[in-house]
Amino acid sequence: MNQAPWIDLRSDTVTQPGAEMRAAMEHASVGDDVYGDDPTVNRLQDVTAEMFGYEAALFAPSGTQSNLIALLVHCARGDEYLVGQEAHTYKYEGGGAAVLGSIQPQPIANQADGSIALADIAAYIKPDDMHFARTRLLALENTIGGRVLGSAYMAAATSLARARGLATHLDGARICNAAVKQGISLREATAGFDTVSVCLSKGLGAPVGSVLCGPKALIEQGKRWRKMLGGGMRQAGIVAAAGLYALEHNIARLADDHANAARLSAGLAQIAQLKVATPQTNIFYIEVPPAAVDALRAALLRERIRATVGQYTRLVTHINVSAADVERILDVFTDFFKDWQHAS
């Protein structure tokens, strides 16, 4: 019996490389990247640096590691970085900066649009006093929870940081989504930041890897930290080739993921029992009645749909979720809540 293929809405980290990407990986030229002689890794680093407007770049196994490397090259023991309360570098990376770098995070409340108020950034910069950690860095994230921080805000925030003597880092795990949504270049999307971490394994569809871009001197320091953190890989060109393919073929098509998220959101908003946010990119949230959570989770699994279902459920579209899949998802949700309403 033929079963419908699984649809996975948990994250855009779940994507599967397609045939063309797998072919690029199969035929990649490789060397030993710890020695710096893997030609495909070197090309990935050069291409990424050029695309985003930086002097140099460093390939790392994960976005968590590339973000951590950035924090370690910007901050020393006893320094602090300013960061949003909802930011990945603060909330979802295991406290790595504090544990491994003795770097203190200074979390600040995010506004409803995902930004950090400029007045709050200024207020949390510590004076030059031995009682305080030394404020060294402002770290922002774009997109954050699927929300886009616009160019005007980013320019104002980085200008404020520079005026106060701070370095700037951008967790750009989904920076390509932000650029596509705004219709701006990748260089415009990262303007004003000393370093940016670009994830290849989310919407871009590569199986693994992130690239840290920045000034050559900082990237050279980053290589040492990458080695210490266990991120020095050998014949890494096999996975770097997937990243190159993603950068060359999968950026513009992110607009399809945004359109699918918009369609899915609009359809779910027709279900009276749900409260549905309007997505800006490929991520949005729905509020599910608590009494329906367990039954909805089971119903989705029966229909081969994976989602992290809770009272507040995040849904994520990506390269492996088609327009036809969206209609199938809507049918399942609609049928479930019709039956649930009658049963309750």
C-alpha atoms as a PDB file:
ATOM      1  CA  MET A   1       0.000   0.000   0.000  1.00  0.00           C
ATOM      2  CA  ASN A   2       1.388   3.388  -0.990  1.00  0.00           C
ATOM      3  CA  GLN A   3       1.496   5.880   1.834  1.00  0.00           C
ATOM      4  CA  ALA A   4       1.645   9.632   1.486  1.00  0.00           C
ATOM      5  CA  PRO A   5       5.131  11.015   2.085  1.00  0.00           C
ATOM      6  CA  TRP A   6       5.862  12.587   5.440  1.00  0.00           C
ATOM      7  CA  ILE A   7       5.501  16.358   5.755  1.00  0.00           C
ATOM      8  CA  ASP A   8       7.739  17.876   8.404  1.00  0.00           C
ATOM      9  CA  LEU A   9       6.778  21.280   9.806  1.00  0.00           C
ATOM     10  CA  ARG A  10       9.013  21.192  12.886  1.00  0.00           C
ATOM     11  CA  SER A  11      11.818  23.286  11.409  1.00  0.00           C
ATOM     12  CA  ASP A  12      13.691  24.132   8.227  1.00  0.00           C
ATOM     13  CA  THR A  13      16.618  22.145   9.660  1.00  0.00           C
ATOM     14  CA  VAL A  14      14.923  18.908   8.553  1.00  0.00           C
ATOM     15  CA  THR A  15      15.426  19.411   4.820  1.00  0.00           C
ATOM     16  CA  GLN A  16      16.773  16.615   2.636  1.00  0.00           C
ATOM     17  CA  PRO A  17      19.378  17.261  -0.079  1.00  0.00           C
ATOM     18  CA  GLY A  18      17.985  16.758  -3.555  1.00  0.00           C
ATOM     19  CA  ALA A  19      19.550  14.799  -6.402  1.00  0.00           C
ATOM     20  CA  GLU A  20      21.502  17.759  -7.811  1.00  0.00           C
ATOM     21  CA  MET A  21      22.941  18.657  -4.403  1.00  0.00           C
ATOM     22  CA  ARG A  22      23.882  15.028  -3.779  1.00  0.00           C
ATOM     23  CA  ALA A  23      25.615  14.939  -7.151  1.00  0.00           C
ATOM     24  CA  ALA A  24      27.617  18.034  -6.248  1.00  0.00           C
ATOM     25  CA  MET A  25      28.669  16.347  -3.011  1.00  0.00           C
ATOM     26  CA  GLU A  26      29.617  13.126  -4.795  1.00  0.00           C
ATOM     27  CA  HIS A  27      31.869  14.894  -7.273  1.00  0.00           C
ATOM     28  CA  ALA A  28      33.455  17.414  -4.885  1.00  0.00           C
ATOM     29  CA  SER A  29      37.201  17.856  -4.912  1.00  0.00           C
ATOM     30  CA  VAL A  30      38.559  17.414  -1.395  1.00  0.00           C
ATOM     31  CA  GLY A  31      41.696  17.936   0.635  1.00  0.00           C
ATOM     32  CA  ASP A  32      42.442  18.332   4.337  1.00  0.00           C
ATOM     33  CA  ASP A  33      40.731  21.461   5.584  1.00  0.00           C
ATOM     34  CA  VAL A  34      42.710  21.613   8.834  1.00  0.00           C
ATOM     35  CA  TYR A  35      45.759  22.129   6.619  1.00  0.00           C
ATOM     36  CA  GLY A  36      43.727  24.597   4.578  1.00  0.00           C
ATOM     37  CA  ASP A  37      44.020  22.640   1.356  1.00  0.00           C
ATOM     38  CA  ASP A  38      40.477  21.458   0.717  1.00  0.00           C
ATOM     39  CA  PRO A  39      39.636  23.307  -2.517  1.00  0.00           C
ATOM     40  CA  THR A  40      35.869  23.060  -2.127  1.00  0.00           C
ATOM     41  CA  VAL A  41      35.912  24.423   1.420  1.00  0.00           C
ATOM     42  CA  ASN A  42      38.198  27.233   0.291  1.00  0.00           C
ATOM     43  CA  ARG A  43      35.849  28.073  -2.552  1.00  0.00           C
ATOM     44  CA  LEU A  44      32.821  28.031  -0.253  1.00  0.00           C
ATOM     45  CA  GLN A  45      34.560  30.428   2.116  1.00  0.00           C
ATOM     46  CA  ASP A  46      35.633  32.749  -0.710  1.00  0.00           C
ATOM     47  CA  VAL A  47      32.206  32.733  -2.359  1.00  0.00           C
ATOM     48  CA  THR A  48      30.371  33.379   0.913  1.00  0.00           C
ATOM     49  CA  ALA A  49      32.699  36.221   1.902  1.00  0.00           C
ATOM     50  CA  GLU A  50      32.219  37.838  -1.514  1.00  0.00           C
ATOM     51  CA  MET A  51      28.431  37.427  -1.491  1.00  0.00           C
ATOM     52  CA  PHE A  52      28.060  39.021   1.924  1.00  0.00           C
ATOM     53  CA  GLY A  53      30.748  41.657   1.506  1.00  0.00           C
ATOM     54  CA  TYR A  54      33.463  40.513   3.926  1.00  0.00           C
ATOM     55  CA  GLU A  55      37.226  39.993   3.686  1.00  0.00           C
ATOM     56  CA  ALA A  56      37.209  36.360   4.750  1.00  0.00           C
ATOM     57  CA  ALA A  57      35.044  33.495   5.937  1.00  0.00           C
ATOM     58  CA  LEU A  58      35.297  30.292   7.953  1.00  0.00           C
ATOM     59  CA  PHE A  59      33.314  27.080   7.441  1.00  0.00           C
ATOM     60  CA  ALA A  60      32.050  25.520  10.689  1.00  0.00           C
ATOM     61  CA  PRO A  61      29.991  22.389  11.359  1.00  0.00           C
ATOM     62  CA  SER A  62      27.045  24.260  12.891  1.00  0.00           C
ATOM     63  CA  GLY A  63      25.496  27.648  13.469  1.00  0.00           C
ATOM     64  CA  THR A  64      25.910  27.176  17.211  1.00  0.00           C
ATOM     65  CA  GLN A  65      29.642  26.781  16.724  1.00  0.00           C
ATOM     66  CA  SER A  66      30.024  29.665  14.266  1.00  0.00           C
ATOM     67  CA  ASN A  67      28.112  31.966  16.644  1.00  0.00           C
ATOM     68  CA  LEU A  68      30.263  30.830  19.551  1.00  0.00           C
ATOM     69  CA  ILE A  69      33.445  31.429  17.558  1.00  0.00           C
ATOM     70  CA  ALA A  70      32.233  34.959  16.829  1.00  0.00           C
ATOM     71  CA  LEU A  71      31.587  35.644  20.517  1.00  0.00           C
ATOM     72  CA  LEU A  72      35.019  34.270  21.414  1.00  0.00           C
ATOM     73  CA  VAL A  73      36.880  36.444  18.901  1.00  0.00           C
ATOM     74  CA  HIS A  74      35.010  39.577  19.965  1.00  0.00           C
ATOM     75  CA  CYS A  75      35.021  39.080  23.743  1.00  0.00           C
ATOM     76  CA  ALA A  76      37.565  38.002  26.364  1.00  0.00           C
ATOM     77  CA  ARG A  77      37.033  36.532  29.832  1.00  0.00           C
ATOM     78  CA  GLY A  78      35.004  38.939  31.931  1.00  0.00           C
ATOM     79  CA  ASP A  79      33.524  40.723  28.915  1.00  0.00           C
ATOM     80  CA  GLU A  80      29.831  40.753  28.110  1.00  0.00           C
ATOM     81  CA  TYR A  81      27.650  40.883  25.031  1.00  0.00           C
ATOM     82  CA  LEU A  82      24.250  42.520  24.717  1.00  0.00           C
ATOM     83  CA  VAL A  83      21.657  40.165  23.279  1.00  0.00           C
ATOM     84  CA  GLY A  84      17.909  39.735  22.963  1.00  0.00           C
ATOM     85  CA  GLN A  85      16.099  37.603  25.526  1.00  0.00           C
ATOM     86  CA  GLU A  86      14.677  35.516  22.655  1.00  0.00           C
ATOM     87  CA  ALA A  87      17.909  35.270  20.665  1.00  0.00           C
ATOM     88  CA  HIS A  88      19.341  31.909  19.704  1.00  0.00           C
ATOM     89  CA  THR A  89      22.832  32.827  20.946  1.00  0.00           C
ATOM     90  CA  TYR A  90      21.413  33.452  24.406  1.00  0.00           C
ATOM     91  CA  LYS A  91      18.515  31.030  24.761  1.00  0.00           C
ATOM     92  CA  TYR A  92      19.245  27.999  22.600  1.00  0.00           C
ATOM     93  CA  GLU A  93      23.019  27.458  22.497  1.00  0.00           C
ATOM     94  CA  GLY A  94      23.584  25.798  25.850  1.00  0.00           C
ATOM     95  CA  GLY A  95      25.211  28.790  27.522  1.00  0.00           C
ATOM     96  CA  GLY A  96      28.351  28.128  25.495  1.00  0.00           C
ATOM     97  CA  ALA A  97      29.713  31.662  25.698  1.00  0.00           C
ATOM     98  CA  ALA A  98      29.565  31.600  29.513  1.00  0.00           C
ATOM     99  CA  VAL A  99      30.712  27.997  29.911  1.00  0.00           C
ATOM    100  CA  LEU A 100      33.540  27.976  27.374  1.00  0.00           C
ATOM    101  CA  GLY A 101      34.475  31.639  27.075  1.00  0.00           C
ATOM    102  CA  SER A 102      33.671  33.122  30.500  1.00  0.00           C
ATOM    103  CA  ILE A 103      31.671  35.704  28.560  1.00  0.00           C
ATOM    104  CA  GLN A 104      28.654  37.152  30.329  1.00  0.00           C
ATOM    105  CA  PRO A 105      25.461  37.566  28.319  1.00  0.00           C
ATOM    106  CA  GLN A 106      23.369  40.614  29.094  1.00  0.00           C
ATOM    107  CA  PRO A 107      19.879  39.621  27.899  1.00  0.00           C
ATOM    108  CA  ILE A 108      17.489  42.432  26.985  1.00  0.00           C
ATOM    109  CA  ALA A 109      13.766  42.127  26.321  1.00  0.00           C
ATOM    110  CA  ASN A 110      12.843  41.843  22.663  1.00  0.00           C
ATOM    111  CA  GLN A 111      10.096  44.062  21.328  1.00  0.00           C
ATOM    112  CA  ALA A 112       7.029  42.556  19.648  1.00  0.00           C
ATOM    113  CA  ASP A 113       8.701  42.920  16.236  1.00  0.00           C
ATOM    114  CA  GLY A 114      11.800  41.045  17.421  1.00  0.00           C
ATOM    115  CA  SER A 115      14.018  44.108  17.747  1.00  0.00           C
ATOM    116  CA  ILE A 116      15.738  45.401  20.871  1.00  0.00           C
ATOM    117  CA  ALA A 117      14.759  48.979  21.628  1.00  0.00           C
ATOM    118  CA  LEU A 118      17.656  51.342  20.947  1.00  0.00           C
ATOM    119  CA  ALA A 119      17.095  53.012  24.310  1.00  0.00           C
ATOM    120  CA  ASP A 120      17.458  49.624  26.011  1.00  0.00           C
ATOM    121  CA  ILE A 121      20.692  48.893  24.152  1.00  0.00           C
ATOM    122  CA  ALA A 122      22.119  52.223  25.309  1.00  0.00           C
ATOM    123  CA  ALA A 123      20.898  51.714  28.871  1.00  0.00           C
ATOM    124  CA  TYR A 124      22.543  48.308  29.254  1.00  0.00           C
ATOM    125  CA  ILE A 125      26.026  49.385  28.134  1.00  0.00           C
ATOM    126  CA  LYS A 126      28.067  49.293  31.336  1.00  0.00           C
ATOM    127  CA  PRO A 127      30.276  52.154  32.477  1.00  0.00           C
ATOM    128  CA  ASP A 128      34.029  51.644  32.619  1.00  0.00           C
ATOM    129  CA  ASP A 129      34.066  50.492  36.222  1.00  0.00           C
ATOM    130  CA  MET A 130      35.728  47.461  37.802  1.00  0.00           C
ATOM    131  CA  HIS A 131      32.422  46.444  39.370  1.00  0.00           C
ATOM    132  CA  PHE A 132      30.933  45.632  35.969  1.00  0.00           C
ATOM    133  CA  ALA A 133      31.654  43.228  33.157  1.00  0.00           C
ATOM    134  CA  ARG A 134      33.102  45.064  30.157  1.00  0.00           C
ATOM    135  CA  THR A 135      30.450  45.551  27.479  1.00  0.00           C
ATOM    136  CA  ARG A 136      32.131  44.634  24.206  1.00  0.00           C
ATOM    137  CA  LEU A 137      29.576  43.400  21.693  1.00  0.00           C
ATOM    138  CA  LEU A 138      26.018  43.817  20.416  1.00  0.00           C
ATOM    139  CA  ALA A 139      24.632  40.561  18.980  1.00  0.00           C
ATOM    140  CA  LEU A 140      21.436  40.659  16.918  1.00  0.00           C
ATOM    141  CA  GLU A 141      19.547  37.981  14.989  1.00  0.00           C
ATOM    142  CA  ASN A 142      17.747  38.213  11.635  1.00  0.00           C
ATOM    143  CA  THR A 143      15.265  36.709  11.132  1.00  0.00           C
ATOM    144  CA  ILE A 144      14.222  36.165  14.761  1.00  0.00           C
ATOM    145  CA  GLY A 145      11.252  33.872  15.261  1.00  0.00           C
ATOM    146  CA  GLY A 146      10.492  34.396  11.575  1.00  0.00           C
ATOM    147  CA  ARG A 147      10.309  38.177  12.021  1.00  0.00           C
ATOM    148  CA  VAL A 148      12.421  40.446   9.839  1.00  0.00           C
ATOM    149  CA  LEU A 149      14.473  43.250  11.343  1.00  0.00           C
ATOM    150  CA  GLY A 150      14.407  45.975   8.708  1.00  0.00           C
ATOM    151  CA  SER A 151      17.416  47.741   7.257  1.00  0.00           C
ATOM    152  CA  ALA A 152      16.644  51.071   8.934  1.00  0.00           C
ATOM    153  CA  TYR A 153      16.567  49.473  12.379  1.00  0.00           C
ATOM    154  CA  MET A 154      19.749  47.496  11.729  1.00  0.00           C
ATOM    155  CA  ALA A 155      21.556  50.639  10.583  1.00  0.00           C
ATOM    156  CA  ALA A 156      20.434  52.532  13.684  1.00  0.00           C
ATOM    157  CA  ALA A 157      21.406  49.706  16.054  1.00  0.00           C
ATOM    158  CA  THR A 158      24.854  49.143  14.552  1.00  0.00           C
ATOM    159  CA  SER A 159      25.506  52.894  14.416  1.00  0.00           C
ATOM    160  CA  LEU A 160      24.641  53.159  18.101  1.00  0.00           C
ATOM    161  CA  ALA A 161      26.953  50.255  18.900  1.00  0.00           C
ATOM    162  CA  ARG A 162      29.838  51.772  16.945  1.00  0.00           C
ATOM    163  CA  ALA A 163      29.351  55.160  18.580  1.00  0.00           C
ATOM    164  CA  ARG A 164      29.629  53.485  21.986  1.00  0.00           C
ATOM    165  CA  GLY A 165      32.717  51.473  21.046  1.00  0.00           C
ATOM    166  CA  LEU A 166      31.014  48.092  20.651  1.00  0.00           C
ATOM    167  CA  ALA A 167      31.640  45.465  18.010  1.00  0.00           C
ATOM    168  CA  THR A 168      28.629  43.924  16.266  1.00  0.00           C
ATOM    169  CA  HIS A 169      27.720  40.342  15.375  1.00  0.00           C
ATOM    170  CA  LEU A 170      24.725  39.118  13.400  1.00  0.00           C
ATOM    171  CA  ASP A 171      23.312  35.654  13.888  1.00  0.00           C
ATOM    172  CA  GLY A 172      22.220  35.353  10.288  1.00  0.00           C
ATOM    173  CA  ALA A 173      20.988  31.783  10.449  1.00  0.00           C
ATOM    174  CA  ARG A 174      18.117  32.914   8.218  1.00  0.00           C
ATOM    175  CA  ILE A 175      19.586  36.134   6.844  1.00  0.00           C
ATOM    176  CA  CYS A 176      18.827  35.004   3.298  1.00  0.00           C
ATOM    177  CA  ASN A 177      15.130  34.822   4.215  1.00  0.00           C
ATOM    178  CA  ALA A 178      15.354  38.374   5.535  1.00  0.00           C
ATOM    179  CA  ALA A 179      17.067  39.635   2.384  1.00  0.00           C
ATOM    180  CA  VAL A 180      14.590  37.911   0.048  1.00  0.00           C
ATOM    181  CA  LYS A 181      11.629  39.216   2.026  1.00  0.00           C
ATOM    182  CA  GLN A 182      12.921  42.790   1.870  1.00  0.00           C
ATOM    183  CA  GLY A 183      14.097  42.558  -1.730  1.00  0.00           C
ATOM    184  CA  ILE A 184      17.605  43.689  -0.820  1.00  0.00           C
ATOM    185  CA  SER A 185      21.057  42.279  -1.471  1.00  0.00           C
ATOM    186  CA  LEU A 186      22.871  40.048   0.992  1.00  0.00           C
ATOM    187  CA  ARG A 187      25.433  42.809   1.474  1.00  0.00           C
ATOM    188  CA  GLU A 188      22.709  45.284   2.338  1.00  0.00           C
ATOM    189  CA  ALA A 189      21.183  42.796   4.775  1.00  0.00           C
ATOM    190  CA  THR A 190      24.455  42.483   6.713  1.00  0.00           C
ATOM    191  CA  ALA A 191      25.698  46.073   6.410  1.00  0.00           C
ATOM    192  CA  GLY A 192      27.125  47.480   9.625  1.00  0.00           C
ATOM    193  CA  PHE A 193      28.010  44.153  11.240  1.00  0.00           C
ATOM    194  CA  ASP A 194      31.608  43.208  11.946  1.00  0.00           C
ATOM    195  CA  THR A 195      30.790  39.510  11.683  1.00  0.00           C
ATOM    196  CA  VAL A 196      27.854  37.437  10.470  1.00  0.00           C
ATOM    197  CA  SER A 197      27.073  33.740  10.806  1.00  0.00           C
ATOM    198  CA  VAL A 198      25.268  32.318   7.757  1.00  0.00           C
ATOM    199  CA  CYS A 199      23.528  28.957   8.125  1.00  0.00           C
ATOM    200  CA  LEU A 200      23.521  26.665   5.098  1.00  0.00           C
ATOM    201  CA  SER A 201      21.388  23.894   6.595  1.00  0.00           C
ATOM    202  CA  LYS A 202      18.102  25.705   7.186  1.00  0.00           C
ATOM    203  CA  GLY A 203      16.113  27.260   4.344  1.00  0.00           C
ATOM    204  CA  LEU A 204      19.022  26.877   1.951  1.00  0.00           C
ATOM    205  CA  GLY A 205      18.683  23.116   2.250  1.00  0.00           C
ATOM    206  CA  ALA A 206      22.250  21.898   2.796  1.00  0.00           C
ATOM    207  CA  PRO A 207      22.619  18.947   5.175  1.00  0.00           C
ATOM    208  CA  VAL A 208      25.095  20.637   7.534  1.00  0.00           C
ATOM    209  CA  GLY A 209      27.259  23.671   8.096  1.00  0.00           C
ATOM    210  CA  SER A 210      27.468  27.411   8.675  1.00  0.00           C
ATOM    211  CA  VAL A 211      29.917  30.060   7.531  1.00  0.00           C
ATOM    212  CA  LEU A 212      31.268  32.866   9.708  1.00  0.00           C
ATOM    213  CA  CYS A 213      32.178  35.985   7.720  1.00  0.00           C
ATOM    214  CA  GLY A 214      34.280  38.883   8.950  1.00  0.00           C
ATOM    215  CA  PRO A 215      37.600  40.726   8.759  1.00  0.00           C
ATOM    216  CA  LYS A 216      40.587  38.539   7.898  1.00  0.00           C
ATOM    217  CA  ALA A 217      42.255  39.073  11.279  1.00  0.00           C
ATOM    218  CA  LEU A 218      39.176  37.927  13.203  1.00  0.00           C
ATOM    219  CA  ILE A 219      38.655  34.931  10.931  1.00  0.00           C
ATOM    220  CA  GLU A 220      42.280  33.874  11.558  1.00  0.00           C
ATOM    221  CA  GLN A 221      41.564  33.998  15.296  1.00  0.00           C
ATOM    222  CA  GLY A 222      38.388  32.067  14.618  1.00  0.00           C
ATOM    223  CA  LYS A 223      40.336  29.217  13.027  1.00  0.00           C
ATOM    224  CA  ARG A 224      42.169  28.658  16.295  1.00  0.00           C
ATOM    225  CA  TRP A 225      38.914  28.669  18.270  1.00  0.00           C
ATOM    226  CA  ARG A 226      37.294  26.309  15.754  1.00  0.00           C
ATOM    227  CA  LYS A 227      40.139  23.838  16.289  1.00  0.00           C
ATOM    228  CA  MET A 228      39.815  24.104  20.081  1.00  0.00           C
ATOM    229  CA  LEU A 229      36.074  23.534  19.851  1.00  0.00           C
ATOM    230  CA  GLY A 230      36.516  20.379  17.782  1.00  0.00           C
ATOM    231  CA  GLY A 231      35.287  21.939  14.557  1.00  0.00           C
ATOM    232  CA  GLY A 232      38.384  21.313  12.460  1.00  0.00           C
ATOM    233  CA  MET A 233      37.230  18.893   9.770  1.00  0.00           C
ATOM    234  CA  ARG A 234      39.320  16.969   7.273  1.00  0.00           C
ATOM    235  CA  GLN A 235      37.849  16.159   3.817  1.00  0.00           C
ATOM    236  CA  ALA A 236      35.041  18.602   4.477  1.00  0.00           C
ATOM    237  CA  GLY A 237      34.655  19.512   0.811  1.00  0.00           C
ATOM    238  CA  ILE A 238      31.985  16.826   0.528  1.00  0.00           C
ATOM    239  CA  VAL A 239      29.649  18.855   2.753  1.00  0.00           C
ATOM    240  CA  ALA A 240      30.999  22.220   1.611  1.00  0.00           C
ATOM    241  CA  ALA A 241      29.889  21.310  -1.916  1.00  0.00           C
ATOM    242  CA  ALA A 242      26.310  21.107  -0.653  1.00  0.00           C
ATOM    243  CA  GLY A 243      26.687  24.572   0.824  1.00  0.00           C
ATOM    244  CA  LEU A 244      27.993  25.961  -2.453  1.00  0.00           C
ATOM    245  CA  TYR A 245      25.083  24.419  -4.321  1.00  0.00           C
ATOM    246  CA  ALA A 246      22.678  25.925  -1.800  1.00  0.00           C
ATOM    247  CA  LEU A 247      24.135  29.423  -2.162  1.00  0.00           C
ATOM    248  CA  GLU A 248      24.118  29.193  -5.949  1.00  0.00           C
ATOM    249  CA  HIS A 249      20.617  27.731  -6.395  1.00  0.00           C
ATOM    250  CA  ASN A 250      18.440  28.037  -3.298  1.00  0.00           C
ATOM    251  CA  ILE A 251      18.338  31.681  -2.235  1.00  0.00           C
ATOM    252  CA  ALA A 252      15.741  33.151  -4.604  1.00  0.00           C
ATOM    253  CA  ARG A 253      13.431  30.168  -4.113  1.00  0.00           C
ATOM    254  CA  LEU A 254      13.037  31.099  -0.416  1.00  0.00           C
ATOM    255  CA  ALA A 255      10.195  33.282  -1.684  1.00  0.00           C
ATOM    256  CA  ASP A 256       8.286  30.045  -2.364  1.00  0.00           C
ATOM    257  CA  ASP A 257       8.621  29.066   1.302  1.00  0.00           C
ATOM    258  CA  HIS A 258       7.328  32.484   2.334  1.00  0.00           C
ATOM    259  CA  ALA A 259       4.361  32.132  -0.017  1.00  0.00           C
ATOM    260  CA  ASN A 260       3.591  28.655   1.305  1.00  0.00           C
ATOM    261  CA  ALA A 261       3.713  29.928   4.894  1.00  0.00           C
ATOM    262  CA  ALA A 262       1.344  32.772   3.967  1.00  0.00           C
ATOM    263  CA  ARG A 263      -1.095  30.351   2.344  1.00  0.00           C
ATOM    264  CA  LEU A 264      -0.927  27.945   5.271  1.00  0.00           C
ATOM    265  CA  SER A 265      -1.453  30.754   7.764  1.00  0.00           C
ATOM    266  CA  ALA A 266      -4.409  32.184   5.835  1.00  0.00           C
ATOM    267  CA  GLY A 267      -6.053  28.765   5.604  1.00  0.00           C
ATOM    268  CA  LEU A 268      -5.571  27.966   9.284  1.00  0.00           C
ATOM    269  CA  ALA A 269      -6.977  31.371  10.204  1.00  0.00           C
ATOM    270  CA  GLN A 270     -10.326  30.152   8.805  1.00  0.00           C
ATOM    271  CA  ILE A 271     -10.524  27.598  11.631  1.00  0.00           C
ATOM    272  CA  ALA A 272     -12.403  29.253  14.481  1.00  0.00           C
ATOM    273  CA  GLN A 273     -10.651  27.350  17.257  1.00  0.00           C
ATOM    274  CA  LEU A 274      -7.176  28.578  16.273  1.00  0.00           C
ATOM    275  CA  LYS A 275      -5.414  31.893  16.772  1.00  0.00           C
ATOM    276  CA  VAL A 276      -2.972  32.302  13.900  1.00  0.00           C
ATOM    277  CA  ALA A 277      -0.134  34.759  13.438  1.00  0.00           C
ATOM    278  CA  THR A 278       0.572  36.229  10.010  1.00  0.00           C
ATOM    279  CA  PRO A 279       4.046  35.155   8.851  1.00  0.00           C
ATOM    280  CA  GLN A 280       6.638  37.522   7.462  1.00  0.00           C
ATOM    281  CA  THR A 281       8.857  34.703   6.170  1.00  0.00           C
ATOM    282  CA  ASN A 282       8.659  30.927   6.587  1.00  0.00           C
ATOM    283  CA  ILE A 283       7.925  30.681  10.326  1.00  0.00           C
ATOM    284  CA  PHE A 284       4.758  31.450  12.226  1.00  0.00           C
ATOM    285  CA  TYR A 285       2.889  30.403  15.341  1.00  0.00           C
ATOM    286  CA  ILE A 286      -0.609  29.172  16.040  1.00  0.00           C
ATOM    287  CA  GLU A 287      -2.377  29.000  19.391  1.00  0.00           C
ATOM    288  CA  VAL A 288      -4.141  25.679  19.897  1.00  0.00           C
ATOM    289  CA  PRO A 289      -6.838  25.101  22.543  1.00  0.00           C
ATOM    290  CA  PRO A 290      -5.062  23.231  25.370  1.00  0.00           C
ATOM    291  CA  ALA A 291      -7.744  20.527  25.399  1.00  0.00           C
ATOM    292  CA  ALA A 292      -7.049  19.768  21.728  1.00  0.00           C
ATOM    293  CA  VAL A 293      -3.244  19.537  21.866  1.00  0.00           C
ATOM    294  CA  ASP A 294      -2.788  15.796  22.438  1.00  0.00           C
ATOM    295  CA  ALA A 295      -5.503  14.758  20.004  1.00  0.00           C
ATOM    296  CA  LEU A 296      -4.219  17.121  17.317  1.00  0.00           C
ATOM    297  CA  ARG A 297      -0.687  15.804  17.681  1.00  0.00           C
ATOM    298  CA  ALA A 298      -1.936  12.235  17.274  1.00  0.00           C
ATOM    299  CA  ALA A 299      -4.139  13.148  14.302  1.00  0.00           C
ATOM    300  CA  LEU A 300      -1.265  14.814  12.480  1.00  0.00           C
ATOM    301  CA  LEU A 301       0.999  11.836  13.034  1.00  0.00           C
ATOM    302  CA  ARG A 302      -1.678   9.490  11.693  1.00  0.00           C
ATOM    303  CA  GLU A 303      -1.688  11.601   8.527  1.00  0.00           C
ATOM    304  CA  ARG A 304       2.150  11.546   8.414  1.00  0.00           C
ATOM    305  CA  ILE A 305       2.578  15.204   9.363  1.00  0.00           C
ATOM    306  CA  ARG A 306       5.262  16.070  11.902  1.00  0.00           C
ATOM    307  CA  ALA A 307       4.853  19.220  13.994  1.00  0.00           C
ATOM    308  CA  THR A 308       5.900  20.261  17.474  1.00  0.00           C
ATOM    309  CA  VAL A 309       2.356  20.614  18.724  1.00  0.00           C
ATOM    310  CA  GLY A 310       1.651  22.509  21.923  1.00  0.00           C
ATOM    311  CA  GLN A 311      -0.578  25.324  23.045  1.00  0.00           C
ATOM    312  CA  TYR A 312       1.766  27.579  21.074  1.00  0.00           C
ATOM    313  CA  THR A 313       2.809  25.668  17.990  1.00  0.00           C
ATOM    314  CA  ARG A 314       5.533  26.802  15.617  1.00  0.00           C
ATOM    315  CA  LEU A 315       5.048  25.845  11.969  1.00  0.00           C
ATOM    316  CA  VAL A 316       7.900  26.145   9.474  1.00  0.00           C
ATOM    317  CA  THR A 317       7.813  25.810   5.689  1.00  0.00           C
ATOM    318  CA  HIS A 318      10.898  24.910   3.673  1.00  0.00           C
ATOM    319  CA  ILE A 319      12.201  23.410   0.444  1.00  0.00           C
ATOM    320  CA  ASN A 320      10.561  20.036   1.162  1.00  0.00           C
ATOM    321  CA  VAL A 321       7.087  21.466   1.803  1.00  0.00           C
ATOM    322  CA  SER A 322       5.261  22.060  -1.491  1.00  0.00           C
ATOM    323  CA  ALA A 323       2.148  24.056  -2.304  1.00  0.00           C
ATOM    324  CA  ALA A 324       0.291  20.739  -2.614  1.00  0.00           C
ATOM    325  CA  ASP A 325       1.541  19.749   0.835  1.00  0.00           C
ATOM    326  CA  VAL A 326       0.092  22.958   2.241  1.00  0.00           C
ATOM    327  CA  GLU A 327      -3.355  22.039   0.906  1.00  0.00           C
ATOM    328  CA  ARG A 328      -3.050  18.577   2.425  1.00  0.00           C
ATOM    329  CA  ILE A 329      -2.098  20.076   5.801  1.00  0.00           C
ATOM    330  CA  LEU A 330      -5.081  22.415   5.674  1.00  0.00           C
ATOM    331  CA  ASP A 331      -7.431  19.534   4.925  1.00  0.00           C
ATOM    332  CA  VAL A 332      -6.131  17.594   7.930  1.00  0.00           C
ATOM    333  CA  PHE A 333      -6.441  20.562  10.299  1.00  0.00           C
ATOM    334  CA  THR A 334      -9.903  21.447   9.005  1.00  0.00           C
ATOM    335  CA  ASP A 335     -11.229  17.904   9.332  1.00  0.00           C
ATOM    336  CA  PHE A 336      -9.734  17.522  12.793  1.00  0.00           C
ATOM    337  CA  PHE A 337     -11.330  20.662  14.204  1.00  0.00           C
ATOM    338  CA  LYS A 338     -14.705  19.854  12.646  1.00  0.00           C
ATOM    339  CA  ASP A 339     -14.684  16.494  14.419  1.00  0.00           C
ATOM    340  CA  TRP A 340     -13.203  17.961  17.629  1.00  0.00           C
ATOM    341  CA  GLN A 341     -15.875  20.675  17.770  1.00  0.00           C
ATOM    342  CA  HIS A 342     -18.645  18.106  17.485  1.00  0.00           C
ATOM    343  CA  ALA A 343     -17.028  15.813  20.040  1.00  0.00           C
ATOM    344  CA  SER A 344     -16.546  18.617  22.527  1.00  0.00           C
END
